[in-house]
């Protein structure tokens, strides 16, 4: 799945989930390279629902969203669309 981010320095998130919602892979385009690589490593192998609970609502500076929050939104969409 490719998710176009909104309100962040990253422009998109590519993610792949198992049928049981385990995250197989995540990759961000743009944004803070090292931080986002770290996030990708931390969430790979975890259940999407767990990651959503951890990251949803995270803000960046004065923005109402962040790259982690956008990942949570992408995961919600992926789960909903099966």
N, C-alpha and C. Protein backbone atom coordinates (compact mmCIF):
# COMPACT_ATOMS: atom_id res chain seq x y z
N UNK A 1 0.85 -1.17 0.00
CA UNK A 1 0.00 0.00 0.00
C UNK A 1 0.89 1.24 0.00
N UNK A 2 0.50 2.24 -0.75
CA UNK A 2 1.17 3.53 -0.74
C UNK A 2 0.21 4.56 -0.18
N UNK A 3 0.64 5.27 0.86
CA UNK A 3 -0.17 6.28 1.53
C UNK A 3 0.51 7.63 1.33
N UNK A 4 -0.20 8.59 0.78
CA UNK A 4 0.31 9.95 0.60
C UNK A 4 0.08 10.71 1.90
N UNK A 5 1.17 11.14 2.52
CA UNK A 5 1.06 11.83 3.80
C UNK A 5 0.56 13.26 3.62
N UNK A 6 0.04 13.81 4.70
CA UNK A 6 -0.48 15.18 4.71
C UNK A 6 0.07 15.91 5.93
N UNK A 7 0.65 17.10 5.70
CA UNK A 7 1.11 17.93 6.80
C UNK A 7 2.45 17.54 7.40
N UNK A 8 3.25 16.74 6.68
CA UNK A 8 4.55 16.33 7.19
C UNK A 8 5.63 16.54 6.14
N UNK A 9 6.87 16.47 6.59
CA UNK A 9 8.01 16.58 5.66
C UNK A 9 8.10 15.36 4.75
N UNK A 10 7.73 14.20 5.25
CA UNK A 10 7.68 13.02 4.38
C UNK A 10 6.49 13.16 3.43
N UNK A 11 6.61 12.57 2.26
CA UNK A 11 5.55 12.71 1.25
C UNK A 11 4.72 11.46 1.08
N UNK A 12 5.28 10.31 1.43
CA UNK A 12 4.50 9.08 1.33
C UNK A 12 5.09 7.99 2.20
N UNK A 13 4.23 7.00 2.48
CA UNK A 13 4.62 5.83 3.26
C UNK A 13 4.23 4.60 2.44
N UNK A 14 5.17 3.70 2.26
CA UNK A 14 4.88 2.41 1.63
C UNK A 14 4.87 1.37 2.74
N UNK A 15 3.80 0.59 2.82
CA UNK A 15 3.73 -0.43 3.85
C UNK A 15 3.12 -1.71 3.33
N UNK A 16 3.51 -2.80 3.99
CA UNK A 16 3.03 -4.12 3.64
C UNK A 16 2.66 -4.85 4.92
N UNK A 17 1.43 -5.36 4.96
CA UNK A 17 0.93 -6.09 6.14
C UNK A 17 0.61 -7.53 5.78
N UNK A 18 0.81 -8.43 6.74
CA UNK A 18 0.32 -9.80 6.62
C UNK A 18 -1.19 -9.77 6.77
N UNK A 19 -1.88 -10.85 6.36
CA UNK A 19 -3.33 -10.90 6.56
C UNK A 19 -3.76 -10.76 8.02
N UNK A 20 -2.87 -11.13 8.97
CA UNK A 20 -3.21 -10.99 10.39
C UNK A 20 -2.81 -9.63 10.96
N UNK A 21 -2.48 -8.68 10.06
CA UNK A 21 -2.14 -7.29 10.40
C UNK A 21 -0.75 -7.12 11.01
N UNK A 22 0.12 -8.11 10.85
CA UNK A 22 1.52 -7.94 11.25
C UNK A 22 2.22 -7.13 10.17
N UNK A 23 3.00 -6.14 10.59
CA UNK A 23 3.69 -5.27 9.64
C UNK A 23 4.90 -6.01 9.08
N UNK A 24 4.92 -6.20 7.77
CA UNK A 24 6.06 -6.84 7.09
C UNK A 24 7.15 -5.82 6.80
N UNK A 25 6.74 -4.65 6.30
CA UNK A 25 7.73 -3.62 5.96
C UNK A 25 7.07 -2.25 5.92
N UNK A 26 7.89 -1.23 6.18
CA UNK A 26 7.46 0.17 6.12
C UNK A 26 8.63 0.97 5.57
N UNK A 27 8.33 1.92 4.67
CA UNK A 27 9.36 2.82 4.15
C UNK A 27 8.74 4.20 3.92
N UNK A 28 9.43 5.23 4.39
CA UNK A 28 9.00 6.61 4.20
C UNK A 28 9.78 7.23 3.05
N UNK A 29 9.14 8.14 2.32
CA UNK A 29 9.82 8.96 1.32
C UNK A 29 9.90 10.37 1.88
N UNK A 30 11.12 10.90 1.95
CA UNK A 30 11.32 12.23 2.52
C UNK A 30 11.33 12.17 4.04
N UNK A 31 11.36 13.34 4.66
CA UNK A 31 11.35 13.41 6.10
C UNK A 31 12.72 13.25 6.71
N UNK A 32 12.78 13.06 8.01
CA UNK A 32 14.04 12.92 8.76
C UNK A 32 14.55 11.49 8.61
N UNK A 33 15.46 11.30 7.71
CA UNK A 33 15.91 9.99 7.27
C UNK A 33 16.23 9.03 8.41
N UNK A 34 17.11 9.40 9.29
CA UNK A 34 17.52 8.50 10.37
C UNK A 34 16.39 8.15 11.31
N UNK A 35 15.62 9.15 11.71
CA UNK A 35 14.50 8.90 12.62
C UNK A 35 13.48 7.97 12.00
N UNK A 36 13.17 8.19 10.73
CA UNK A 36 12.15 7.38 10.07
C UNK A 36 12.64 5.96 9.81
N UNK A 37 13.92 5.79 9.52
CA UNK A 37 14.47 4.43 9.39
C UNK A 37 14.35 3.71 10.73
N UNK A 38 14.61 4.43 11.82
CA UNK A 38 14.49 3.84 13.15
C UNK A 38 13.06 3.42 13.45
N UNK A 39 12.11 4.28 13.13
CA UNK A 39 10.70 3.95 13.34
C UNK A 39 10.34 2.70 12.54
N UNK A 40 10.77 2.64 11.29
CA UNK A 40 10.47 1.48 10.45
C UNK A 40 10.99 0.19 11.07
N UNK A 41 12.20 0.24 11.59
CA UNK A 41 12.78 -0.96 12.23
C UNK A 41 12.01 -1.34 13.50
N UNK A 42 11.59 -0.33 14.25
CA UNK A 42 10.88 -0.61 15.50
C UNK A 42 9.49 -1.21 15.28
N UNK A 43 8.81 -0.82 14.21
CA UNK A 43 7.44 -1.30 14.01
C UNK A 43 7.35 -2.59 13.18
N UNK A 44 8.37 -2.88 12.40
CA UNK A 44 8.34 -4.10 11.58
C UNK A 44 8.27 -5.32 12.48
N UNK A 45 7.33 -6.21 12.18
CA UNK A 45 7.11 -7.42 12.97
C UNK A 45 6.06 -7.26 14.06
N UNK A 46 5.58 -6.04 14.28
CA UNK A 46 4.53 -5.80 15.29
C UNK A 46 3.16 -5.77 14.63
N UNK A 47 2.14 -5.96 15.42
CA UNK A 47 0.76 -5.86 14.95
C UNK A 47 0.42 -4.40 14.68
N UNK A 48 -0.29 -4.17 13.60
CA UNK A 48 -0.67 -2.81 13.22
C UNK A 48 -1.46 -2.14 14.33
N UNK A 49 -2.35 -2.86 14.98
CA UNK A 49 -3.18 -2.29 16.04
C UNK A 49 -2.33 -1.78 17.20
N UNK A 50 -1.28 -2.51 17.54
CA UNK A 50 -0.38 -2.09 18.62
C UNK A 50 0.34 -0.79 18.23
N UNK A 51 0.83 -0.73 17.00
CA UNK A 51 1.56 0.44 16.53
C UNK A 51 0.63 1.65 16.45
N UNK A 52 -0.60 1.45 16.01
CA UNK A 52 -1.57 2.54 15.97
C UNK A 52 -1.76 3.11 17.37
N UNK A 53 -1.91 2.25 18.35
CA UNK A 53 -2.08 2.69 19.73
C UNK A 53 -0.90 3.48 20.27
N UNK A 54 0.29 3.12 19.82
CA UNK A 54 1.49 3.81 20.29
C UNK A 54 1.72 5.15 19.60
N UNK A 55 1.41 5.25 18.31
CA UNK A 55 1.81 6.41 17.52
C UNK A 55 0.71 7.42 17.22
N UNK A 56 -0.53 6.99 17.26
CA UNK A 56 -1.65 7.87 16.90
C UNK A 56 -1.67 9.11 17.79
N UNK A 57 -1.81 10.27 17.15
CA UNK A 57 -1.91 11.52 17.89
C UNK A 57 -0.58 12.20 18.17
N UNK A 58 0.53 11.57 17.79
CA UNK A 58 1.85 12.19 17.97
C UNK A 58 1.94 13.43 17.09
N UNK A 59 2.43 14.53 17.67
CA UNK A 59 2.57 15.77 16.90
C UNK A 59 4.05 16.08 16.69
N UNK A 60 4.31 17.00 15.76
CA UNK A 60 5.67 17.42 15.45
C UNK A 60 5.71 18.95 15.53
N UNK A 61 6.38 19.46 16.54
CA UNK A 61 6.42 20.91 16.72
C UNK A 61 5.02 21.47 16.89
N UNK A 62 4.70 22.47 16.08
CA UNK A 62 3.37 23.09 16.14
C UNK A 62 2.37 22.45 15.18
N UNK A 63 2.79 21.42 14.46
CA UNK A 63 1.90 20.73 13.52
C UNK A 63 0.91 19.86 14.30
N UNK A 64 -0.24 19.63 13.71
CA UNK A 64 -1.26 18.79 14.35
C UNK A 64 -1.04 17.31 14.08
N UNK A 65 -0.01 16.99 13.30
CA UNK A 65 0.30 15.61 12.95
C UNK A 65 1.81 15.45 12.94
N UNK A 66 2.27 14.26 12.57
CA UNK A 66 3.70 13.95 12.48
C UNK A 66 3.84 12.73 11.58
N UNK A 67 5.06 12.37 11.27
CA UNK A 67 5.28 11.16 10.49
C UNK A 67 4.77 9.91 11.23
N UNK A 68 5.02 9.77 12.54
CA UNK A 68 4.45 8.63 13.25
C UNK A 68 2.92 8.63 13.23
N UNK A 69 2.30 9.80 13.39
CA UNK A 69 0.84 9.88 13.34
C UNK A 69 0.34 9.51 11.95
N UNK A 70 1.03 9.94 10.92
CA UNK A 70 0.64 9.59 9.56
C UNK A 70 0.76 8.09 9.33
N UNK A 71 1.77 7.46 9.93
CA UNK A 71 1.90 6.01 9.84
C UNK A 71 0.70 5.34 10.50
N UNK A 72 0.28 5.83 11.65
CA UNK A 72 -0.90 5.27 12.32
C UNK A 72 -2.13 5.40 11.43
N UNK A 73 -2.28 6.53 10.77
CA UNK A 73 -3.42 6.73 9.86
C UNK A 73 -3.35 5.78 8.67
N UNK A 74 -2.15 5.58 8.14
CA UNK A 74 -1.97 4.67 7.01
C UNK A 74 -2.32 3.24 7.42
N UNK A 75 -1.90 2.84 8.61
CA UNK A 75 -2.19 1.51 9.10
C UNK A 75 -3.69 1.31 9.31
N UNK A 76 -4.36 2.31 9.85
CA UNK A 76 -5.82 2.23 10.02
C UNK A 76 -6.50 2.01 8.67
N UNK A 77 -6.06 2.76 7.68
CA UNK A 77 -6.63 2.63 6.34
C UNK A 77 -6.36 1.26 5.75
N UNK A 78 -5.15 0.77 5.95
CA UNK A 78 -4.79 -0.56 5.43
C UNK A 78 -5.64 -1.65 6.05
N UNK A 79 -5.89 -1.55 7.34
CA UNK A 79 -6.72 -2.54 8.04
C UNK A 79 -8.16 -2.46 7.54
N UNK A 80 -8.66 -1.26 7.40
CA UNK A 80 -10.04 -1.06 6.95
C UNK A 80 -10.26 -1.58 5.53
N UNK A 81 -9.28 -1.34 4.67
CA UNK A 81 -9.41 -1.74 3.26
C UNK A 81 -8.96 -3.15 3.00
N UNK A 82 -8.48 -3.83 4.05
CA UNK A 82 -8.11 -5.23 3.97
C UNK A 82 -7.00 -5.52 3.04
